[in-house]
């Protein structure tokens, strides 16, 4: 009886395969130093890069809340990234957010690492399906998202900024528009900031929250 209980407890604590943890860690061990060298530390202020780091902890700790936060935050934006990348690949300009993937001044290896945008959403769906969806995720990621947006708007370089490192990110998280060369001109910049702070939770995080709540098991 005791042996059976111990086996069940061990299985409950090991819901993710070891190979997945090791493979993800190996990928991150390559990506992090390469990104630091080529893009600099501010690149890790992007929602998607924060989600990458959060997912690393979630995978090893098998933490449903962390996996849920990353999923709520980036599933829809990464889907749009994939659409923009596909459009760019066939010569159609959608938003310009994936133009860097076709920049010949960046090595194929560096651009290849950024293909995580295509597979990370599927990994997060798998993690939430396996670990369960924690409904606190939307509130916590909304706070994280607001902090990142405000930091990038007030402290990080805007589109068109000339930096010593030409590959260092500007307009991080698109806080001044969707392009890297010029700010949006549709509305005052304060209105765009307000739209980001309100629209991201309302139009991106909330629909993802309801979808995950409906189709994934609830985290214990």
N, C-alpha and C. Protein backbone atom coordinates (compact mmCIF):
# COMPACT_ATOMS: atom_id res chain seq x y z
N UNK A 1 0.83 -1.21 0.00
CA UNK A 1 0.00 0.00 0.00
C UNK A 1 0.86 1.26 0.00
N UNK A 2 1.87 1.29 0.89
CA UNK A 2 2.76 2.44 0.97
C UNK A 2 3.51 2.63 -0.34
N UNK A 3 3.98 1.51 -0.91
CA UNK A 3 4.72 1.58 -2.18
C UNK A 3 3.84 2.14 -3.29
N UNK A 4 2.57 1.73 -3.31
CA UNK A 4 1.64 2.21 -4.31
C UNK A 4 1.41 3.71 -4.18
N UNK A 5 1.26 4.17 -2.92
CA UNK A 5 1.04 5.59 -2.68
C UNK A 5 2.26 6.41 -3.10
N UNK A 6 3.46 5.89 -2.80
CA UNK A 6 4.67 6.60 -3.17
C UNK A 6 4.81 6.70 -4.68
N UNK A 7 4.42 5.61 -5.38
CA UNK A 7 4.49 5.62 -6.84
C UNK A 7 3.54 6.64 -7.42
N UNK A 8 2.33 6.71 -6.85
CA UNK A 8 1.33 7.67 -7.33
C UNK A 8 1.79 9.10 -7.10
N UNK A 9 2.37 9.35 -5.92
CA UNK A 9 2.84 10.69 -5.60
C UNK A 9 3.98 11.10 -6.52
N UNK A 10 4.86 10.13 -6.81
CA UNK A 10 5.98 10.42 -7.70
C UNK A 10 5.49 10.75 -9.10
N UNK A 11 4.49 10.01 -9.58
CA UNK A 11 3.94 10.26 -10.91
C UNK A 11 3.28 11.62 -10.96
N UNK A 12 2.60 12.00 -9.87
CA UNK A 12 1.92 13.29 -9.83
C UNK A 12 2.92 14.44 -9.88
N UNK A 13 4.10 14.21 -9.32
CA UNK A 13 5.12 15.25 -9.28
C UNK A 13 5.97 15.29 -10.55
N UNK A 14 5.80 14.30 -11.39
CA UNK A 14 6.59 14.23 -12.61
C UNK A 14 5.66 14.10 -13.82
N UNK A 15 4.92 15.16 -14.05
CA UNK A 15 3.95 15.13 -15.14
C UNK A 15 4.55 15.51 -16.47
N UNK A 16 5.77 16.01 -16.46
CA UNK A 16 6.45 16.39 -17.69
C UNK A 16 7.67 15.49 -17.88
N UNK A 17 7.90 15.01 -19.09
CA UNK A 17 9.03 14.09 -19.33
C UNK A 17 10.38 14.80 -19.16
N UNK A 18 11.35 14.05 -18.69
CA UNK A 18 12.67 14.62 -18.47
C UNK A 18 13.30 15.12 -19.76
N UNK A 19 13.05 14.40 -20.88
CA UNK A 19 13.66 14.81 -22.14
C UNK A 19 13.19 16.21 -22.55
N UNK A 20 11.92 16.52 -22.24
CA UNK A 20 11.39 17.84 -22.58
C UNK A 20 12.11 18.91 -21.76
N UNK A 21 12.29 18.66 -20.48
CA UNK A 21 12.97 19.61 -19.62
C UNK A 21 14.41 19.84 -20.09
N UNK A 22 15.09 18.75 -20.44
CA UNK A 22 16.48 18.87 -20.88
C UNK A 22 16.59 19.56 -22.24
N UNK A 23 15.68 19.22 -23.16
CA UNK A 23 15.71 19.83 -24.49
C UNK A 23 15.43 21.33 -24.41
N UNK A 24 14.44 21.71 -23.62
CA UNK A 24 14.11 23.13 -23.48
C UNK A 24 15.26 23.89 -22.83
N UNK A 25 15.86 23.28 -21.82
CA UNK A 25 16.98 23.92 -21.14
C UNK A 25 18.17 24.08 -22.08
N UNK A 26 18.43 23.07 -22.90
CA UNK A 26 19.53 23.16 -23.87
C UNK A 26 19.29 24.28 -24.86
N UNK A 27 18.05 24.41 -25.33
CA UNK A 27 17.72 25.50 -26.25
C UNK A 27 17.95 26.85 -25.59
N UNK A 28 17.50 27.00 -24.35
CA UNK A 28 17.67 28.26 -23.65
C UNK A 28 19.14 28.56 -23.37
N UNK A 29 19.93 27.49 -23.12
CA UNK A 29 21.36 27.67 -22.87
C UNK A 29 22.08 28.22 -24.09
N UNK A 30 21.52 27.97 -25.26
CA UNK A 30 22.07 28.53 -26.50
C UNK A 30 21.49 29.92 -26.75
N UNK A 31 20.16 30.04 -26.66
CA UNK A 31 19.49 31.29 -27.03
C UNK A 31 19.90 32.47 -26.15
N UNK A 32 19.95 32.28 -24.85
CA UNK A 32 20.19 33.41 -23.95
C UNK A 32 21.53 34.09 -24.23
N UNK A 33 22.66 33.36 -24.24
CA UNK A 33 23.92 34.07 -24.54
C UNK A 33 24.00 34.64 -25.95
N UNK A 34 23.42 33.93 -26.92
CA UNK A 34 23.44 34.43 -28.30
C UNK A 34 22.64 35.72 -28.41
N UNK A 35 21.48 35.76 -27.79
CA UNK A 35 20.66 36.98 -27.80
C UNK A 35 21.35 38.11 -27.05
N UNK A 36 22.00 37.81 -25.93
CA UNK A 36 22.69 38.85 -25.18
C UNK A 36 23.80 39.47 -26.00
N UNK A 37 24.55 38.64 -26.72
CA UNK A 37 25.66 39.13 -27.54
C UNK A 37 25.16 39.94 -28.72
N UNK A 38 24.12 39.46 -29.38
CA UNK A 38 23.66 40.09 -30.61
C UNK A 38 22.65 41.22 -30.39
N UNK A 39 21.78 41.07 -29.43
CA UNK A 39 20.71 42.05 -29.23
C UNK A 39 20.86 42.89 -27.96
N UNK A 40 21.56 42.34 -26.98
CA UNK A 40 21.69 43.03 -25.70
C UNK A 40 20.60 42.63 -24.73
N UNK A 41 20.76 42.99 -23.46
CA UNK A 41 19.82 42.54 -22.42
C UNK A 41 18.41 43.09 -22.56
N UNK A 42 18.25 44.26 -23.19
CA UNK A 42 16.90 44.84 -23.29
C UNK A 42 15.97 44.00 -24.15
N UNK A 43 16.53 43.11 -24.96
CA UNK A 43 15.69 42.24 -25.79
C UNK A 43 14.80 41.35 -24.92
N UNK A 44 15.24 41.10 -23.69
CA UNK A 44 14.47 40.23 -22.80
C UNK A 44 13.33 40.97 -22.10
N UNK A 45 13.03 42.18 -22.58
CA UNK A 45 11.83 42.88 -22.12
C UNK A 45 10.63 42.59 -22.99
N UNK A 46 10.83 41.96 -24.14
CA UNK A 46 9.70 41.55 -24.98
C UNK A 46 8.83 40.53 -24.24
N UNK A 47 7.53 40.63 -24.44
CA UNK A 47 6.62 39.67 -23.84
C UNK A 47 7.05 38.23 -24.13
N UNK A 48 7.39 37.97 -25.39
CA UNK A 48 7.71 36.61 -25.79
C UNK A 48 8.97 36.10 -25.11
N UNK A 49 9.96 36.98 -24.89
CA UNK A 49 11.19 36.55 -24.24
C UNK A 49 10.98 36.35 -22.74
N UNK A 50 10.16 37.20 -22.16
CA UNK A 50 9.80 36.99 -20.75
C UNK A 50 9.08 35.64 -20.61
N UNK A 51 8.19 35.36 -21.55
CA UNK A 51 7.47 34.08 -21.52
C UNK A 51 8.42 32.90 -21.66
N UNK A 52 9.44 33.05 -22.49
CA UNK A 52 10.46 31.99 -22.63
C UNK A 52 11.10 31.67 -21.29
N UNK A 53 11.50 32.73 -20.57
CA UNK A 53 12.17 32.53 -19.28
C UNK A 53 11.20 31.97 -18.24
N UNK A 54 9.99 32.48 -18.23
CA UNK A 54 8.98 31.98 -17.29
C UNK A 54 8.70 30.51 -17.56
N UNK A 55 8.64 30.15 -18.84
CA UNK A 55 8.36 28.76 -19.21
C UNK A 55 9.48 27.83 -18.76
N UNK A 56 10.71 28.31 -18.79
CA UNK A 56 11.83 27.48 -18.32
C UNK A 56 11.64 27.09 -16.86
N UNK A 57 11.25 28.06 -16.04
CA UNK A 57 11.00 27.76 -14.62
C UNK A 57 9.78 26.85 -14.49
N UNK A 58 8.73 27.15 -15.28
CA UNK A 58 7.51 26.35 -15.21
C UNK A 58 7.77 24.89 -15.56
N UNK A 59 8.62 24.66 -16.55
CA UNK A 59 8.90 23.29 -16.98
C UNK A 59 9.59 22.50 -15.87
N UNK A 60 10.58 23.10 -15.25
CA UNK A 60 11.31 22.36 -14.21
C UNK A 60 10.52 22.22 -12.92
N UNK A 61 9.77 23.24 -12.57
CA UNK A 61 8.98 23.17 -11.33
C UNK A 61 7.61 22.55 -11.56
N UNK A 62 7.28 22.31 -12.82
CA UNK A 62 5.95 21.80 -13.19
C UNK A 62 4.88 22.69 -12.55
N UNK A 63 5.06 23.98 -12.76
CA UNK A 63 4.24 24.98 -12.12
C UNK A 63 3.13 25.44 -13.05
N UNK A 64 1.91 25.12 -12.71
CA UNK A 64 0.77 25.44 -13.57
C UNK A 64 0.55 26.94 -13.69
N UNK A 65 0.77 27.68 -12.60
CA UNK A 65 0.54 29.13 -12.63
C UNK A 65 1.49 29.81 -13.61
N UNK A 66 2.76 29.47 -13.57
CA UNK A 66 3.73 30.10 -14.47
C UNK A 66 3.45 29.74 -15.93
N UNK A 67 3.14 28.46 -16.18
CA UNK A 67 2.80 28.05 -17.54
C UNK A 67 1.54 28.75 -18.03
N UNK A 68 0.58 28.92 -17.14
CA UNK A 68 -0.68 29.58 -17.50
C UNK A 68 -0.45 31.06 -17.80
N UNK A 69 0.40 31.70 -17.02
CA UNK A 69 0.71 33.12 -17.26
C UNK A 69 1.33 33.31 -18.64
N UNK A 70 2.31 32.48 -18.96
CA UNK A 70 2.96 32.60 -20.27
C UNK A 70 1.97 32.35 -21.40
N UNK A 71 1.08 31.37 -21.21
CA UNK A 71 0.10 31.05 -22.24
C UNK A 71 -0.88 32.19 -22.45
N UNK A 72 -1.42 32.73 -21.37
CA UNK A 72 -2.36 33.85 -21.47
C UNK A 72 -1.72 35.03 -22.17
N UNK A 73 -0.43 35.25 -21.89
CA UNK A 73 0.24 36.43 -22.39
C UNK A 73 0.61 36.39 -23.86
N UNK A 74 0.94 35.21 -24.39
CA UNK A 74 1.53 35.23 -25.73
C UNK A 74 0.85 34.35 -26.78
N UNK A 75 -0.13 33.56 -26.43
CA UNK A 75 -0.71 32.68 -27.45
C UNK A 75 -1.25 33.47 -28.65
N UNK A 76 -2.07 34.47 -28.41
CA UNK A 76 -2.61 35.24 -29.53
C UNK A 76 -1.55 36.09 -30.24
N UNK A 77 -0.68 36.81 -29.52
CA UNK A 77 0.37 37.55 -30.22
C UNK A 77 1.29 36.66 -31.05
N UNK A 78 1.59 35.46 -30.56
CA UNK A 78 2.46 34.58 -31.32
C UNK A 78 1.75 34.03 -32.56
N UNK A 79 0.45 33.87 -32.47
CA UNK A 79 -0.32 33.46 -33.64
C UNK A 79 -0.23 34.55 -34.71
N UNK A 80 -0.32 35.82 -34.28
CA UNK A 80 -0.20 36.91 -35.23
C UNK A 80 1.22 36.98 -35.80
N UNK A 81 2.22 36.69 -34.96
CA UNK A 81 3.61 36.65 -35.44
C UNK A 81 3.74 35.62 -36.56
N UNK A 82 3.14 34.46 -36.37
CA UNK A 82 3.21 33.40 -37.38
C UNK A 82 2.53 33.84 -38.68
N UNK A 83 1.39 34.53 -38.57
CA UNK A 83 0.71 35.05 -39.77
C UNK A 83 1.58 36.07 -40.49
N UNK A 84 2.19 36.97 -39.72
CA UNK A 84 3.03 37.99 -40.32
C UNK A 84 4.25 37.37 -40.98
N UNK A 85 4.83 36.36 -40.34
CA UNK A 85 6.00 35.67 -40.90
C UNK A 85 5.63 34.97 -42.21
N UNK A 86 4.49 34.29 -42.21
CA UNK A 86 4.04 33.59 -43.42
C UNK A 86 3.78 34.58 -44.54
N UNK A 87 3.16 35.72 -44.21
CA UNK A 87 2.90 36.74 -45.23
C UNK A 87 4.21 37.29 -45.78
N UNK A 88 5.15 37.55 -44.90
CA UNK A 88 6.46 38.06 -45.31
C UNK A 88 7.17 37.07 -46.22
N UNK A 89 7.02 35.78 -45.91
CA UNK A 89 7.71 34.74 -46.67
C UNK A 89 7.23 34.68 -48.12
N UNK A 90 5.98 35.10 -48.37
CA UNK A 90 5.46 35.07 -49.74
C UNK A 90 5.45 36.47 -50.36
N UNK A 91 6.12 37.42 -49.69
CA UNK A 91 6.27 38.75 -50.26
C UNK A 91 5.15 39.72 -49.97
N UNK A 92 4.31 39.41 -48.98
CA UNK A 92 3.19 40.30 -48.65
C UNK A 92 3.47 41.00 -47.33
N UNK A 93 3.32 42.30 -47.29
CA UNK A 93 3.59 43.09 -46.09
C UNK A 93 2.33 43.16 -45.24
N UNK A 94 2.37 42.56 -44.06
CA UNK A 94 1.21 42.58 -43.17
C UNK A 94 1.37 43.67 -42.11
N UNK A 95 2.36 43.54 -41.25
CA UNK A 95 2.59 44.57 -40.23
C UNK A 95 4.03 45.01 -40.13
N UNK A 96 4.95 44.17 -40.59
CA UNK A 96 6.36 44.50 -40.48
C UNK A 96 7.02 43.97 -39.23
N UNK A 97 6.25 43.34 -38.33
CA UNK A 97 6.83 42.90 -37.07
C UNK A 97 7.82 41.75 -37.23
N UNK A 98 7.80 41.05 -38.37
CA UNK A 98 8.76 39.96 -38.58
C UNK A 98 9.77 40.30 -39.68
N UNK A 99 9.91 41.57 -39.99
CA UNK A 99 10.88 41.96 -41.02
C UNK A 99 12.29 41.51 -40.66
N UNK A 100 12.59 41.50 -39.37
CA UNK A 100 13.94 41.13 -38.94
C UNK A 100 14.29 39.69 -39.30
N UNK A 101 13.26 38.86 -39.49
CA UNK A 101 13.51 37.47 -39.86
C UNK A 101 14.02 37.33 -41.29
N UNK A 102 13.91 38.40 -42.06
CA UNK A 102 14.36 38.39 -43.45
C UNK A 102 15.49 39.40 -43.68
N UNK A 103 16.11 39.81 -42.59
CA UNK A 103 17.21 40.77 -42.63
C UNK A 103 18.52 40.03 -42.90
N UNK A 104 19.14 40.21 -44.07
CA UNK A 104 20.36 39.47 -44.40
C UNK A 104 21.56 39.85 -43.54
N UNK A 105 21.47 40.97 -42.80
CA UNK A 105 22.59 41.34 -41.93
C UNK A 105 22.60 40.50 -40.65
N UNK A 106 21.55 39.74 -40.42
CA UNK A 106 21.50 38.83 -39.28
C UNK A 106 21.75 37.41 -39.79
N UNK A 107 22.54 36.66 -39.06
CA UNK A 107 22.88 35.31 -39.51
C UNK A 107 21.65 34.41 -39.53
N UNK A 108 21.69 33.39 -40.37
CA UNK A 108 20.59 32.42 -40.41
C UNK A 108 20.43 31.73 -39.06
N UNK A 109 21.56 31.50 -38.39
CA UNK A 109 21.49 30.86 -37.07
C UNK A 109 20.72 31.73 -36.10
N UNK A 110 21.03 33.02 -36.08
CA UNK A 110 20.35 33.94 -35.18
C UNK A 110 18.86 34.00 -35.49
N UNK A 111 18.55 34.09 -36.78
CA UNK A 111 17.13 34.13 -37.17
C UNK A 111 16.45 32.80 -36.89
N UNK A 112 17.21 31.72 -37.03
CA UNK A 112 16.64 30.40 -36.75
C UNK A 112 16.23 30.25 -35.30
N UNK A 113 17.00 30.82 -34.39
CA UNK A 113 16.63 30.76 -32.98
C UNK A 113 15.28 31.42 -32.74
N UNK A 114 15.01 32.48 -33.51
CA UNK A 114 13.75 33.21 -33.32
C UNK A 114 12.53 32.44 -33.82
N UNK A 115 12.77 31.30 -34.43
CA UNK A 115 11.63 30.47 -34.83
C UNK A 115 10.89 29.87 -33.63
N UNK A 116 11.42 30.12 -32.43
CA UNK A 116 10.69 29.67 -31.24
C UNK A 116 9.30 30.28 -31.19
N UNK A 117 9.12 31.44 -31.85
CA UNK A 117 7.79 32.05 -31.89
C UNK A 117 6.77 31.10 -32.50
N UNK A 118 7.23 30.22 -33.37
CA UNK A 118 6.32 29.29 -34.03
C UNK A 118 5.97 28.08 -33.21
N UNK A 119 6.91 27.61 -32.36
CA UNK A 119 6.63 26.38 -31.60
C UNK A 119 6.31 26.61 -30.13
N UNK A 120 6.70 27.75 -29.57
CA UNK A 120 6.42 27.99 -28.16
C UNK A 120 4.92 27.97 -27.83
N UNK A 121 4.05 28.53 -28.68
CA UNK A 121 2.61 28.46 -28.35
C UNK A 121 2.10 27.03 -28.21
N UNK A 122 2.58 26.14 -29.06
CA UNK A 122 2.14 24.74 -28.97
C UNK A 122 2.67 24.08 -27.69
N UNK A 123 3.90 24.43 -27.32
CA UNK A 123 4.44 23.90 -26.08
C UNK A 123 3.63 24.38 -24.89
N UNK A 124 3.26 25.64 -24.90
CA UNK A 124 2.48 26.18 -23.77
C UNK A 124 1.10 25.55 -23.68
N UNK A 125 0.48 25.30 -24.82
CA UNK A 125 -0.81 24.62 -24.80
C UNK A 125 -0.65 23.21 -24.20
N UNK A 126 0.43 22.53 -24.59
CA UNK A 126 0.70 21.20 -24.02
C UNK A 126 0.91 21.29 -22.52
N UNK A 127 1.68 22.27 -22.07
CA UNK A 127 1.97 22.40 -20.65
C UNK A 127 0.70 22.66 -19.84
N UNK A 128 -0.13 23.58 -20.35
CA UNK A 128 -1.36 23.90 -19.62
C UNK A 128 -2.32 22.71 -19.64
N UNK A 129 -2.36 21.99 -20.75
CA UNK A 129 -3.21 20.81 -20.82
C UNK A 129 -2.73 19.74 -19.83
N UNK A 130 -1.43 19.63 -19.66
CA UNK A 130 -0.88 18.62 -18.77
C UNK A 130 -0.92 19.05 -17.30
N UNK A 131 -0.58 20.31 -17.04
CA UNK A 131 -0.48 20.79 -15.66
C UNK A 131 -1.78 21.39 -15.14
N UNK A 132 -2.65 21.78 -16.07
CA UNK A 132 -3.88 22.46 -15.69
C UNK A 132 -3.75 23.96 -15.85
N UNK A 133 -4.87 24.62 -16.02
CA UNK A 133 -4.89 26.08 -16.18
C UNK A 133 -5.20 26.74 -14.84
N UNK A 134 -4.34 27.63 -14.41
CA UNK A 134 -4.52 28.37 -13.17
C UNK A 134 -5.19 29.71 -13.49
N UNK A 135 -6.39 29.91 -12.97
CA UNK A 135 -7.19 31.07 -13.34
C UNK A 135 -6.65 32.40 -12.81
N UNK A 136 -5.67 32.34 -11.93
CA UNK A 136 -5.04 33.57 -11.46
C UNK A 136 -4.10 34.16 -12.52
N UNK A 137 -3.84 33.40 -13.56
CA UNK A 137 -2.83 33.79 -14.54
C UNK A 137 -3.14 35.12 -15.21
N UNK A 138 -4.40 35.36 -15.56
CA UNK A 138 -4.73 36.58 -16.30
C UNK A 138 -4.44 37.83 -15.48
N UNK A 139 -4.76 37.80 -14.19
CA UNK A 139 -4.50 38.97 -13.36
C UNK A 139 -3.01 39.21 -13.20
N UNK A 140 -2.27 38.16 -12.95
CA UNK A 140 -0.83 38.30 -12.73
C UNK A 140 -0.11 38.71 -14.00
N UNK A 141 -0.48 38.08 -15.15
CA UNK A 141 0.19 38.47 -16.39
C UNK A 141 -0.20 39.89 -16.81
N UNK A 142 -1.40 40.31 -16.50
CA UNK A 142 -1.80 41.68 -16.81
C UNK A 142 -0.91 42.68 -16.06
N UNK A 143 -0.56 42.36 -14.83
CA UNK A 143 0.34 43.21 -14.07
C UNK A 143 1.74 43.20 -14.67
N UNK A 144 2.21 42.00 -15.03
CA UNK A 144 3.52 41.90 -15.68
C UNK A 144 3.53 42.67 -16.99
N UNK A 145 2.47 42.50 -17.78
CA UNK A 145 2.38 43.18 -19.07
C UNK A 145 2.38 44.68 -18.92
N UNK A 146 1.61 45.20 -17.96
CA UNK A 146 1.57 46.64 -17.74
C UNK A 146 2.94 47.17 -17.34
N UNK A 147 3.64 46.44 -16.48
CA UNK A 147 4.99 46.87 -16.06
C UNK A 147 5.94 46.89 -17.25
N UNK A 148 5.85 45.89 -18.12
CA UNK A 148 6.72 45.85 -19.29
C UNK A 148 6.40 46.99 -20.27
N UNK A 149 5.12 47.23 -20.49
CA UNK A 149 4.71 48.29 -21.41
C UNK A 149 5.19 49.66 -20.92
N UNK A 150 4.99 49.94 -19.65
CA UNK A 150 5.40 51.23 -19.10
C UNK A 150 6.91 51.39 -19.11
N UNK A 151 7.62 50.31 -18.79
CA UNK A 151 9.08 50.35 -18.81
C UNK A 151 9.59 50.64 -20.22
N UNK A 152 9.02 49.96 -21.19
CA UNK A 152 9.47 50.14 -22.57
C UNK A 152 9.09 51.50 -23.13
N UNK A 153 7.95 52.01 -22.73
CA UNK A 153 7.49 53.31 -23.24
C UNK A 153 8.35 54.45 -22.69
N UNK A 154 8.63 54.41 -21.40
CA UNK A 154 9.31 55.54 -20.77
C UNK A 154 10.83 55.42 -20.73
N UNK A 155 11.36 54.20 -20.80
CA UNK A 155 12.80 54.02 -20.60
C UNK A 155 13.56 53.47 -21.79
N UNK A 156 12.88 52.81 -22.72
CA UNK A 156 13.57 52.17 -23.83
C UNK A 156 13.50 53.03 -25.10
N UNK A 157 14.45 52.86 -26.02
CA UNK A 157 14.47 53.69 -27.25
C UNK A 157 13.27 53.43 -28.14
N UNK A 158 12.79 54.49 -28.76
CA UNK A 158 11.63 54.40 -29.64
C UNK A 158 12.03 54.01 -31.05
N UNK A 159 11.05 53.86 -31.94
CA UNK A 159 11.35 53.48 -33.33
C UNK A 159 12.21 54.53 -34.02
N UNK A 160 13.16 54.03 -34.81
CA UNK A 160 14.04 54.93 -35.54
C UNK A 160 15.25 55.40 -34.77
N UNK A 161 15.36 55.02 -33.49
CA UNK A 161 16.51 55.44 -32.69
C UNK A 161 17.79 54.84 -33.25
N UNK A 162 18.86 55.63 -33.28
CA UNK A 162 20.16 55.16 -33.76
C UNK A 162 20.98 54.70 -32.56
N UNK A 163 21.25 53.41 -32.51
CA UNK A 163 21.96 52.82 -31.38
C UNK A 163 23.33 52.32 -31.81
N UNK A 164 24.22 52.20 -30.84
CA UNK A 164 25.56 51.71 -31.14
C UNK A 164 25.50 50.30 -31.72
N UNK A 165 24.61 49.49 -31.20
CA UNK A 165 24.38 48.15 -31.73
C UNK A 165 23.19 48.21 -32.68
N UNK A 166 23.40 48.07 -33.98
CA UNK A 166 22.29 48.21 -34.92
C UNK A 166 21.21 47.15 -34.76
N UNK A 167 21.53 46.07 -34.05
CA UNK A 167 20.54 45.01 -33.85
C UNK A 167 19.84 45.11 -32.49
N UNK A 168 20.25 46.06 -31.67
CA UNK A 168 19.57 46.24 -30.38
C UNK A 168 18.13 46.65 -30.63
N UNK A 169 17.21 46.15 -29.83
CA UNK A 169 15.79 46.40 -30.11
C UNK A 169 15.37 47.84 -29.82
N UNK A 170 14.47 48.33 -30.64
CA UNK A 170 13.81 49.62 -30.42
C UNK A 170 12.30 49.36 -30.45
N UNK A 171 11.55 50.30 -29.86
CA UNK A 171 10.10 50.15 -29.83
C UNK A 171 9.70 48.77 -29.30
N UNK A 172 10.31 48.40 -28.19
CA UNK A 172 10.07 47.07 -27.60
C UNK A 172 8.61 46.94 -27.19
N UNK A 173 8.02 45.82 -27.56
CA UNK A 173 6.60 45.51 -27.31
C UNK A 173 5.67 46.48 -28.04
N UNK A 174 6.20 47.15 -29.06
CA UNK A 174 5.39 47.99 -29.95
C UNK A 174 4.62 49.07 -29.19
N UNK A 175 5.32 49.66 -28.21
CA UNK A 175 4.67 50.66 -27.36
C UNK A 175 4.47 52.00 -28.06
N UNK A 176 5.05 52.16 -29.26
CA UNK A 176 4.85 53.40 -30.02
C UNK A 176 4.38 53.11 -31.45
N UNK A 177 3.82 51.95 -31.67
CA UNK A 177 3.36 51.57 -32.99
C UNK A 177 3.90 50.20 -33.36
N UNK A 178 3.58 49.75 -34.56
CA UNK A 178 3.96 48.41 -34.96
C UNK A 178 5.29 48.35 -35.71
N UNK A 179 5.86 49.49 -36.06
CA UNK A 179 7.09 49.50 -36.83
C UNK A 179 8.31 49.83 -35.99
N UNK A 180 9.50 49.57 -36.58
CA UNK A 180 10.76 49.87 -35.90
C UNK A 180 11.40 51.16 -36.41
N UNK A 181 10.93 51.67 -37.53
CA UNK A 181 11.57 52.84 -38.11
C UNK A 181 10.85 54.15 -37.80
N UNK A 182 9.56 54.09 -37.53
CA UNK A 182 8.80 55.32 -37.25
C UNK A 182 7.63 55.00 -36.32
N UNK A 183 7.31 55.95 -35.47
CA UNK A 183 6.17 55.77 -34.56
C UNK A 183 4.86 55.87 -35.32
N UNK A 184 3.84 55.27 -34.76
CA UNK A 184 2.52 55.35 -35.38
C UNK A 184 2.02 56.79 -35.35
N UNK A 185 1.20 57.14 -36.32
CA UNK A 185 0.67 58.51 -36.43
C UNK A 185 -0.85 58.53 -36.42
N UNK A 186 -1.47 57.39 -36.07
CA UNK A 186 -2.93 57.32 -36.07
C UNK A 186 -3.54 58.12 -34.93
N UNK A 187 -2.82 58.26 -33.83
CA UNK A 187 -3.36 58.89 -32.63
C UNK A 187 -2.22 59.46 -31.80
N UNK A 188 -2.51 60.30 -30.82
CA UNK A 188 -1.44 60.79 -29.93
C UNK A 188 -0.76 59.61 -29.22
N UNK A 189 0.52 59.79 -28.89
CA UNK A 189 1.26 58.68 -28.30
C UNK A 189 0.69 58.26 -26.96
N UNK A 190 0.13 59.20 -26.19
CA UNK A 190 -0.48 58.82 -24.91
C UNK A 190 -1.71 57.95 -25.13
N UNK A 191 -2.42 58.20 -26.23
CA UNK A 191 -3.61 57.39 -26.54
C UNK A 191 -3.20 55.98 -26.93
N UNK A 192 -2.09 55.88 -27.70
CA UNK A 192 -1.59 54.54 -28.05
C UNK A 192 -1.18 53.78 -26.80
N UNK A 193 -0.50 54.47 -25.88
CA UNK A 193 -0.09 53.83 -24.62
C UNK A 193 -1.32 53.35 -23.85
N UNK A 194 -2.33 54.20 -23.76
CA UNK A 194 -3.56 53.80 -23.06
C UNK A 194 -4.21 52.61 -23.74
N UNK A 195 -4.18 52.62 -25.08
CA UNK A 195 -4.75 51.50 -25.83
C UNK A 195 -4.01 50.22 -25.52
N UNK A 196 -2.70 50.29 -25.42
CA UNK A 196 -1.90 49.11 -25.08
C UNK A 196 -2.24 48.61 -23.68
N UNK A 197 -2.30 49.51 -22.73
CA UNK A 197 -2.53 49.12 -21.33
C UNK A 197 -3.92 48.53 -21.12
N UNK A 198 -4.90 49.05 -21.87
CA UNK A 198 -6.27 48.57 -21.73
C UNK A 198 -6.59 47.46 -22.73
N UNK A 199 -6.13 47.66 -23.96
CA UNK A 199 -6.48 46.73 -25.02
C UNK A 199 -5.83 45.36 -24.89
N UNK A 200 -4.58 45.32 -24.43
CA UNK A 200 -3.91 44.02 -24.31
C UNK A 200 -4.68 43.09 -23.36
N UNK A 201 -4.98 43.52 -22.12
CA UNK A 201 -5.76 42.63 -21.25
C UNK A 201 -7.15 42.32 -21.77
N UNK A 202 -7.80 43.34 -22.36
CA UNK A 202 -9.19 43.18 -22.79
C UNK A 202 -9.31 42.33 -24.05
N UNK A 203 -8.46 42.59 -25.04
CA UNK A 203 -8.63 41.98 -26.35
C UNK A 203 -7.73 40.76 -26.59
N UNK A 204 -6.68 40.61 -25.80
CA UNK A 204 -5.74 39.52 -26.02
C UNK A 204 -5.73 38.54 -24.85
N UNK A 205 -5.49 39.05 -23.65
CA UNK A 205 -5.39 38.15 -22.51
C UNK A 205 -6.74 37.53 -22.14
N UNK A 206 -7.81 38.33 -22.17
CA UNK A 206 -9.12 37.82 -21.73
C UNK A 206 -9.66 36.72 -22.64
N UNK A 207 -9.68 36.87 -23.97
CA UNK A 207 -10.15 35.76 -24.81
C UNK A 207 -9.32 34.49 -24.61
N UNK A 208 -8.00 34.65 -24.46
CA UNK A 208 -7.15 33.48 -24.24
C UNK A 208 -7.49 32.84 -22.90
N UNK A 209 -7.72 33.66 -21.90
CA UNK A 209 -8.10 33.15 -20.57
C UNK A 209 -9.36 32.29 -20.65
N UNK A 210 -10.38 32.79 -21.32
CA UNK A 210 -11.63 32.03 -21.40
C UNK A 210 -11.47 30.75 -22.21
N UNK A 211 -10.66 30.81 -23.26
CA UNK A 211 -10.43 29.60 -24.06
C UNK A 211 -9.70 28.54 -23.25
N UNK A 212 -8.67 28.94 -22.53
CA UNK A 212 -7.91 27.98 -21.73
C UNK A 212 -8.76 27.45 -20.58
N UNK A 213 -9.58 28.32 -20.00
CA UNK A 213 -10.45 27.88 -18.91
C UNK A 213 -11.46 26.86 -19.39
N UNK A 214 -11.91 27.03 -20.64
CA UNK A 214 -12.94 26.14 -21.17
C UNK A 214 -12.36 24.78 -21.59
N UNK A 215 -11.18 24.79 -22.24
CA UNK A 215 -10.69 23.58 -22.86
C UNK A 215 -9.59 22.85 -22.08
N UNK A 216 -9.06 23.47 -21.05
CA UNK A 216 -8.00 22.83 -20.28
C UNK A 216 -8.50 22.51 -18.87
N UNK A 217 -7.95 21.47 -18.27
CA UNK A 217 -8.35 21.15 -16.88
C UNK A 217 -7.92 22.24 -15.93
N UNK A 218 -8.63 22.35 -14.85
CA UNK A 218 -8.29 23.37 -13.85
C UNK A 218 -7.11 22.89 -13.02
N UNK A 219 -6.17 23.79 -12.78
CA UNK A 219 -5.00 23.43 -11.99
C UNK A 219 -5.42 23.12 -10.55
N UNK A 220 -4.79 22.11 -9.99
CA UNK A 220 -5.12 21.73 -8.62
C UNK A 220 -4.48 22.70 -7.63
